[in-house]
Amino acid sequence: MITKTDLKDLLEVLGFEMPSANIYEKKYSDFDCSIKVDFKKEKIIYPEDKGMMIDRHTTDNFSSNENFVVLECVDRLLTKGYRPEHIELEKKWSLGHMTSGGEDSGFADICVHDSEGKILFIIECKTEGKEYLKEYRNIDQYGGQLFTYWQQERNCKYLVLYASKLIGKTVSYDTESVDCSDDANIIALAKKDDSILLYKDSHTVEELYECWDETYRAYIWYRNGKFRIPCYSLRR
């Protein structure tokens, strides 16, 4: 687990430099922006001046170890070429009613938009170990936080559960990804068998989960473009 104690080690591994006392900074030359980490103020300064959206400022500080996972994940996205103006932190949705997990509203850790402003994928960050496994089980049992966000944002293409940790001089991560698109072959079969559930006909969190669970056998997908994730079933 990444904690405040080893945060400086993480930043050095990620390529941050220390231009002044108590400040670490990493520049992303492709976008003329940077992330700064101020140890005196215990603040993480994301490039809002370059269009990165932050709906509330609770992950840009040292108050939670999960915030360091968000930091590492945002760095990974920028390094891979996702533009700062396409990244949104802590997007809020009013879920309207209590979900199976007890939530009536939620804040997605990271949303990545496409060039048209539609959400491409949603990332839920957790500390490695207990918290990651807890949310992993929530997805398996009722869809978890990610499915509640998906129900609010049906243009979303992928749901991603993410955790990272520092091992020596290497950052390691765990992730699960759900493909939110109906398979063309399944759509063709559903035209002949109306008992086959499809995402496009699912309107609630419960219906989306039922479709994923029954039609797609709770399958975890990966397609090139995000993280290097092997294809495997969540229920492995």
Protein backbone atom coordinates (compact mmCIF):
# COMPACT_ATOMS: atom_id res chain seq x y z
CA MET A 1 0.00 0.00 0.00
CA ILE A 2 1.23 3.50 -0.86
CA THR A 3 1.27 5.72 2.24
CA LYS A 4 2.52 9.19 3.07
CA THR A 5 5.68 7.59 4.44
CA ASP A 6 6.75 6.21 1.06
CA LEU A 7 5.11 8.88 -1.14
CA LYS A 8 8.45 10.53 -1.94
CA ASP A 9 9.81 7.17 -3.06
CA LEU A 10 6.80 6.75 -5.33
CA LEU A 11 7.24 10.20 -6.84
CA GLU A 12 10.91 9.55 -7.58
CA VAL A 13 10.03 6.27 -9.30
CA LEU A 14 7.40 8.08 -11.39
CA GLY A 15 9.95 10.65 -12.51
CA PHE A 16 9.01 13.63 -10.34
CA GLU A 17 11.74 16.14 -9.62
CA MET A 18 12.23 18.54 -6.73
CA PRO A 19 12.61 22.07 -8.14
CA SER A 20 12.20 23.71 -4.73
CA ALA A 21 12.01 22.78 -1.08
CA ASN A 22 9.01 20.59 -0.20
CA ILE A 23 7.73 20.60 -3.80
CA TYR A 24 7.87 17.66 -6.20
CA GLU A 25 6.88 18.23 -9.82
CA LYS A 26 6.50 16.19 -12.99
CA LYS A 27 6.11 17.89 -16.35
CA TYR A 28 4.21 16.37 -19.26
CA SER A 29 5.73 18.11 -22.26
CA ASP A 30 3.15 16.81 -24.74
CA PHE A 31 0.46 18.84 -22.97
CA ASP A 32 2.56 21.67 -21.48
CA CYS A 33 1.29 20.81 -18.01
CA SER A 34 2.53 19.36 -14.75
CA ILE A 35 1.47 17.78 -11.48
CA LYS A 36 2.94 19.23 -8.30
CA VAL A 37 2.98 17.65 -4.85
CA ASP A 38 3.45 20.11 -1.98
CA PHE A 39 4.62 18.29 1.15
CA LYS A 40 4.41 21.39 3.34
CA LYS A 41 0.75 22.01 2.53
CA GLU A 42 0.09 18.30 1.89
CA LYS A 43 -1.55 19.14 -1.42
CA ILE A 44 -1.58 17.47 -4.82
CA ILE A 45 -1.87 20.14 -7.50
CA TYR A 46 -3.39 18.80 -10.71
CA PRO A 47 -3.32 20.80 -13.99
CA GLU A 48 -6.74 22.43 -13.75
CA ASP A 49 -5.25 25.36 -15.67
CA LYS A 50 -4.95 22.97 -18.64
CA GLY A 51 -8.53 21.79 -18.42
CA MET A 52 -8.39 18.89 -15.95
CA MET A 53 -11.75 18.87 -14.18
CA ILE A 54 -12.05 18.41 -10.41
CA ASP A 55 -15.63 18.41 -9.13
CA ARG A 56 -14.69 18.46 -5.45
CA HIS A 57 -11.30 18.71 -3.79
CA THR A 58 -11.08 15.71 -1.49
CA THR A 59 -8.57 13.58 -3.42
CA ASP A 60 -5.97 16.30 -3.94
CA ASN A 61 -4.51 16.05 -0.44
CA PHE A 62 -2.73 13.59 1.86
CA SER A 63 -5.80 12.71 3.95
CA SER A 64 -6.26 9.23 2.48
CA ASN A 65 -3.91 6.59 1.09
CA GLU A 66 -6.43 6.09 -1.72
CA ASN A 67 -5.55 9.59 -2.95
CA PHE A 68 -2.04 8.38 -3.75
CA VAL A 69 -3.53 5.63 -5.92
CA VAL A 70 -5.53 8.30 -7.78
CA LEU A 71 -2.32 10.31 -8.20
CA GLU A 72 -0.43 7.35 -9.62
CA CYS A 73 -3.31 6.48 -11.93
CA VAL A 74 -3.61 10.05 -13.27
CA ASP A 75 0.13 10.05 -13.91
CA ARG A 76 -0.26 6.77 -15.82
CA LEU A 77 -3.05 8.24 -17.94
CA LEU A 78 -1.11 11.39 -18.81
CA THR A 79 2.02 9.36 -19.55
CA LYS A 80 0.00 7.13 -21.89
CA GLY A 81 -1.22 10.18 -23.79
CA TYR A 82 -4.65 10.98 -22.34
CA ARG A 83 -5.08 14.74 -22.42
CA PRO A 84 -5.58 16.63 -19.12
CA GLU A 85 -8.81 18.23 -20.39
CA HIS A 86 -10.24 14.75 -20.95
CA ILE A 87 -9.67 13.71 -17.32
CA GLU A 88 -12.22 14.45 -14.61
CA LEU A 89 -11.77 13.72 -10.90
CA GLU A 90 -14.61 13.02 -8.47
CA LYS A 91 -17.52 13.47 -10.83
CA LYS A 92 -20.72 13.42 -8.80
CA TRP A 93 -23.90 11.57 -9.64
CA SER A 94 -27.15 11.73 -7.64
CA LEU A 95 -28.28 8.14 -7.84
CA GLY A 96 -31.87 8.92 -6.96
CA HIS A 97 -32.50 5.99 -4.62
CA MET A 98 -30.61 3.72 -2.32
CA THR A 99 -28.72 1.07 -4.26
CA SER A 100 -28.02 -2.52 -3.22
CA GLY A 101 -24.79 -1.27 -1.69
CA GLY A 102 -26.51 1.46 0.30
CA GLU A 103 -25.39 4.44 -1.81
CA ASP A 104 -27.78 7.26 -2.79
CA SER A 105 -25.07 9.37 -4.43
CA GLY A 106 -21.54 8.81 -5.54
CA PHE A 107 -18.32 10.39 -6.71
CA ALA A 108 -16.33 8.54 -9.35
CA ASP A 109 -12.61 8.78 -8.69
CA ILE A 110 -11.59 9.25 -12.34
CA CYS A 111 -13.62 9.67 -15.52
CA VAL A 112 -11.90 9.81 -18.90
CA HIS A 113 -13.77 11.57 -21.70
CA ASP A 114 -13.38 11.19 -25.43
CA SER A 115 -12.81 14.11 -27.81
CA GLU A 116 -16.56 14.74 -27.98
CA GLY A 117 -16.91 15.02 -24.21
CA LYS A 118 -18.58 11.64 -23.72
CA ILE A 119 -17.27 9.43 -20.93
CA LEU A 120 -15.03 6.72 -22.34
CA PHE A 121 -14.30 4.90 -19.10
CA ILE A 122 -14.74 5.26 -15.34
CA ILE A 123 -12.03 4.24 -12.87
CA GLU A 124 -12.66 3.41 -9.22
CA CYS A 125 -9.39 3.55 -7.28
CA LYS A 126 -8.81 1.54 -4.11
CA THR A 127 -5.82 0.85 -1.92
CA GLU A 128 -4.35 -2.56 -2.65
CA GLY A 129 -5.35 -5.49 -0.51
CA LYS A 130 -8.43 -5.33 1.72
CA GLU A 131 -10.22 -2.36 0.14
CA TYR A 132 -9.57 -3.51 -3.41
CA LEU A 133 -10.83 -7.02 -2.64
CA LYS A 134 -13.89 -5.62 -0.87
CA GLU A 135 -14.96 -3.63 -3.93
CA TYR A 136 -14.05 -6.59 -6.15
CA ARG A 137 -16.56 -8.67 -4.21
CA ASN A 138 -19.16 -5.89 -4.39
CA ILE A 139 -18.91 -5.95 -8.17
CA ASP A 140 -19.36 -9.71 -8.13
CA GLN A 141 -22.39 -9.56 -5.81
CA TYR A 142 -24.38 -6.57 -7.15
CA GLY A 143 -22.20 -4.45 -9.44
CA GLY A 144 -20.67 -2.20 -6.79
CA GLN A 145 -20.00 1.49 -7.17
CA LEU A 146 -19.00 1.19 -10.81
CA PHE A 147 -22.36 -0.18 -11.95
CA THR A 148 -24.19 2.68 -10.23
CA TYR A 149 -22.06 5.15 -12.18
CA TRP A 150 -22.63 3.21 -15.40
CA GLN A 151 -26.39 3.44 -14.95
CA GLN A 152 -26.02 7.24 -14.81
CA GLU A 153 -23.59 7.43 -17.74
CA ARG A 154 -24.72 4.99 -20.41
CA ASN A 155 -22.23 6.25 -23.00
CA CYS A 156 -19.46 4.73 -20.88
CA LYS A 157 -17.45 2.05 -22.73
CA TYR A 158 -15.52 0.50 -19.82
CA LEU A 159 -15.61 0.22 -16.03
CA VAL A 160 -12.24 -0.13 -14.33
CA LEU A 161 -11.37 -1.13 -10.75
CA TYR A 162 -7.79 -0.10 -10.01
CA ALA A 163 -5.17 -0.35 -7.26
CA SER A 164 -1.44 0.23 -7.28
CA LYS A 165 1.49 -0.27 -4.94
CA LEU A 166 5.20 0.41 -4.76
CA ILE A 167 7.51 -2.58 -4.72
CA GLY A 168 11.10 -1.43 -4.44
CA LYS A 169 11.70 0.76 -7.48
CA THR A 170 8.69 -0.53 -9.39
CA VAL A 171 5.01 0.42 -9.39
CA SER A 172 2.75 -2.60 -9.62
CA TYR A 173 -1.00 -2.50 -10.16
CA ASP A 174 -4.11 -4.70 -10.08
CA THR A 175 -7.15 -4.00 -12.21
CA GLU A 176 -10.45 -5.43 -13.41
CA SER A 177 -12.26 -4.03 -16.46
CA VAL A 178 -15.84 -4.55 -17.62
CA ASP A 179 -16.69 -3.94 -21.28
CA CYS A 180 -20.00 -2.04 -21.33
CA SER A 181 -20.82 -2.78 -24.98
CA ASP A 182 -23.12 -5.50 -26.20
CA ASP A 183 -21.36 -8.12 -28.30
CA ALA A 184 -22.52 -8.20 -31.93
CA ASN A 185 -22.99 -11.98 -31.81
CA ILE A 186 -25.12 -11.70 -28.67
CA ILE A 187 -27.25 -9.00 -30.30
CA ALA A 188 -27.85 -11.30 -33.27
CA LEU A 189 -28.88 -14.16 -30.97
CA ALA A 190 -31.23 -11.88 -29.02
CA LYS A 191 -33.14 -11.12 -32.21
CA LYS A 192 -34.10 -14.80 -32.32
CA ASP A 193 -34.47 -15.30 -28.57
CA ASP A 194 -36.10 -12.49 -26.60
CA SER A 195 -35.09 -14.11 -23.30
CA ILE A 196 -31.49 -13.00 -23.88
CA LEU A 197 -30.77 -9.84 -21.90
CA LEU A 198 -28.89 -6.96 -23.50
CA TYR A 199 -27.23 -3.91 -21.98
CA LYS A 200 -29.07 -1.61 -24.40
CA ASP A 201 -32.39 -2.77 -22.96
CA SER A 202 -31.26 -2.51 -19.32
CA HIS A 203 -32.30 0.66 -17.50
CA THR A 204 -31.49 0.15 -13.83
CA VAL A 205 -28.39 -0.93 -11.94
CA GLU A 206 -30.10 -4.20 -11.15
CA GLU A 207 -30.91 -4.85 -14.82
CA LEU A 208 -27.37 -4.01 -15.94
CA TYR A 209 -25.95 -6.35 -13.33
CA GLU A 210 -28.40 -9.12 -14.28
CA CYS A 211 -27.41 -8.79 -17.94
CA TRP A 212 -23.70 -8.84 -17.11
CA ASP A 213 -24.18 -11.79 -14.76
CA GLU A 214 -26.44 -13.91 -16.98
CA THR A 215 -25.67 -12.97 -20.58
CA TYR A 216 -21.98 -12.21 -20.23
CA ARG A 217 -21.23 -14.59 -17.34
CA ALA A 218 -19.67 -11.79 -15.26
CA TYR A 219 -16.87 -11.59 -17.78
CA ILE A 220 -13.97 -9.15 -17.55
CA TRP A 221 -12.84 -7.71 -20.85
CA TYR A 222 -9.87 -5.76 -22.04
CA ARG A 223 -9.25 -4.02 -25.35
CA ASN A 224 -6.05 -2.17 -26.26
CA GLY A 225 -6.03 1.49 -25.37
CA LYS A 226 -6.15 1.70 -21.60
CA PHE A 227 -4.00 -0.47 -19.39
CA ARG A 228 -2.19 -3.69 -20.19
CA ILE A 229 -4.76 -6.07 -18.75
CA PRO A 230 -5.10 -9.75 -19.69
CA CYS A 231 -8.59 -11.06 -20.46
CA TYR A 232 -10.02 -13.22 -17.71
CA SER A 233 -13.23 -13.81 -15.84
CA LEU A 234 -13.91 -11.93 -12.63
CA ARG A 235 -14.89 -15.27 -11.11
CA ARG A 236 -11.55 -16.92 -11.68
